[in-house]
């Protein structure tokens, strides 16, 4: 499944990030393969908002279509408050 296919509130584990440049870009926000994140919101025709460690990150829809994820069992993040970042 791809990140743009998840539902709001769903916990997912990042399974694949398509290329080195994108990995380098999103690792600055603590997102890497194996990380568990929560889908906070999916903006119609816009970004997918995910949260990890009180930090919300907007992932552009084109990029979200390329990031592989799987359903996760354990929450690894909190969504209350925190910083907001955008990655496209």
Protein backbone atom coordinates (compact mmCIF):
# COMPACT_ATOMS: atom_id res chain seq x y z
CA UNK A 1 0.00 0.00 0.00
CA UNK A 2 1.15 3.58 -0.58
CA UNK A 3 0.97 6.49 1.87
CA UNK A 4 -1.69 8.28 -0.19
CA UNK A 5 -4.02 5.26 0.30
CA UNK A 6 -4.17 5.31 4.12
CA UNK A 7 -7.18 6.46 6.14
CA UNK A 8 -7.28 9.33 8.60
CA UNK A 9 -6.30 8.04 12.06
CA UNK A 10 -4.55 4.95 10.67
CA UNK A 11 -1.18 3.89 12.09
CA UNK A 12 1.27 2.79 9.41
CA UNK A 13 4.87 1.66 9.23
CA UNK A 14 7.01 3.15 6.45
CA UNK A 15 8.27 0.21 4.37
CA UNK A 16 9.93 1.91 1.41
CA UNK A 17 11.12 5.35 0.38
CA UNK A 18 11.76 5.50 -3.37
CA UNK A 19 15.14 7.14 -3.75
CA UNK A 20 18.13 8.54 -1.91
CA UNK A 21 17.26 12.20 -2.45
CA UNK A 22 13.78 11.76 -0.96
CA UNK A 23 15.16 9.68 1.94
CA UNK A 24 17.67 12.45 2.72
CA UNK A 25 14.91 15.06 2.61
CA UNK A 26 12.48 13.35 4.97
CA UNK A 27 15.03 11.86 7.37
CA UNK A 28 15.50 15.41 8.69
CA UNK A 29 12.00 15.05 10.14
CA UNK A 30 12.75 11.66 11.69
CA UNK A 31 10.94 9.68 9.01
CA UNK A 32 12.71 6.59 7.67
CA UNK A 33 11.86 3.04 6.66
CA UNK A 34 10.60 1.17 9.72
CA UNK A 35 9.16 4.25 11.45
CA UNK A 36 5.53 4.17 12.60
CA UNK A 37 3.46 7.29 11.90
CA UNK A 38 -0.19 8.29 12.19
CA UNK A 39 -2.18 9.71 9.30
CA UNK A 40 -3.72 12.89 10.71
CA UNK A 41 -5.50 14.18 7.62
CA UNK A 42 -5.70 13.72 3.87
CA UNK A 43 -6.37 17.02 2.14
CA UNK A 44 -8.42 16.43 -1.06
CA UNK A 45 -6.07 16.95 -4.03
CA UNK A 46 -3.44 18.06 -1.50
CA UNK A 47 -0.92 16.67 0.96
CA UNK A 48 -1.16 13.77 3.38
CA UNK A 49 -0.56 14.99 6.95
CA UNK A 50 1.27 12.49 9.16
CA UNK A 51 2.44 12.75 12.76
CA UNK A 52 5.40 11.33 14.64
CA UNK A 53 6.66 12.39 18.08
CA UNK A 54 4.35 15.42 18.44
CA UNK A 55 5.42 16.66 15.01
CA UNK A 56 3.03 16.96 12.07
CA UNK A 57 4.48 16.71 8.57
CA UNK A 58 2.70 17.45 5.28
CA UNK A 59 3.81 15.02 2.56
CA UNK A 60 2.95 16.17 -0.97
CA UNK A 61 0.49 13.87 -2.75
CA UNK A 62 2.94 12.98 -5.56
CA UNK A 63 5.55 11.94 -3.00
CA UNK A 64 2.97 10.11 -0.84
CA UNK A 65 2.08 7.96 -3.89
CA UNK A 66 5.69 6.73 -3.92
CA UNK A 67 6.17 5.92 -0.21
CA UNK A 68 5.34 2.32 0.71
CA UNK A 69 3.57 1.63 4.02
CA UNK A 70 1.91 -1.23 5.89
CA UNK A 71 -0.60 -1.26 8.70
CA UNK A 72 1.04 -0.90 12.12
CA UNK A 73 -0.16 -2.39 15.40
CA UNK A 74 1.49 -0.11 17.97
CA UNK A 75 1.19 3.67 18.12
CA UNK A 76 4.65 5.22 18.03
CA UNK A 77 3.64 8.84 18.01
CA UNK A 78 1.52 11.43 19.70
CA UNK A 79 -0.48 13.98 17.78
CA UNK A 80 -1.10 16.65 20.41
CA UNK A 81 0.66 19.92 19.71
CA UNK A 82 4.07 20.14 18.13
CA UNK A 83 5.81 21.53 15.10
CA UNK A 84 4.46 21.53 11.56
CA UNK A 85 6.65 20.87 8.50
CA UNK A 86 5.93 20.40 4.81
CA UNK A 87 7.71 18.06 2.41
CA UNK A 88 6.75 17.93 -1.24
